[in-house]
Each structure stands twice: as C-alpha cells, then as structure tokens.
Amino acid sequence: MRTSRRLGKLGLVLLLLPALASAAAAGLLDGKTFAGETGKVGETTGDKDGFVFANGTFRSTVCDKYGFAAAPYTATRKADGSIAFAAETASATEGKMAWKGTVKGAALDGTVAWSKPGQKTIDYWFKGKLRKGA
C-alpha cells in the first residue's frame, strides 16, 4: 500500500514537472523593460516603443493605443545565455500580433507579424535596450 502511494505521488510530480518548468520559463524576463523602436521590415527607422515583461506577460507600449493588451509570453534560456521569447497580443479591432524575439544581455531584438482579417500580414522588426533600474 505504501509503495503504491509513493508511486502515485511520484507520478503526480512527474505529471506536474513540465507545467512547473513552463511556468518558470514564462517568467524569465519578468521585471525587465526595454526602450526602443518598432518598424516595418525593409525600413531603417521606426516608431518609439517600450517593451514590458511583467507577471508572465509581454506588452508593446506603442500598441496600447490600438487596443493590443498584454499577453502571456513563453521564454527559453539558450546555451549562449540569451533568452528567446514569443507572445501573441490581440486587439478587438486590430487583429493579432505574433512576437518572436531574443534578449541577449541588455539588448532585445526580434520580429512581429501583424495579421488582421481582410488584410495581408505585415512584418515588422523591433529592438530595444534594457532601461536602467529594470
């Protein structure tokens, strides 16, 4: 009886381990804020933007005015020490934005694809530097 109970608890731990690891990975960037810009692929300059990681969510400040809310992000630490992340933000009127990026040291960069019903997907780049105190 004791052995089966131990195996039951071990089984439960093994079942929960991936979920716990995923939850921990999601918070790898929490508390970090980057100042930078976002622009269309092919253009060299963009709009000023801020990128905020808090409570397991990612947010682009320039997208606030279009109704894009903070959304859960996933993050993975790479062998070189960088952190790859992904998030999908959504707006009730402006569609979805699929973000993929990397944080290496104090630098953030990546791409975002904006899709909206009735329009062709538009690709953007983004980059930023870690704000002091973040």
Foldseek 3Di string as FASTA:
>chain_A
DVVVVVVVVVVVCVVCVVVVVFQVQLQPCAPWKWWWFKDFPVDDDGHTWMWHHHPQWIDIVVCVVVAWDTFGKGWDQDPVRKIWMWTWTQHPQFGIKIWIWIGDPQKIKTKIWGDDPPDDITIMIIMGGTDPPD
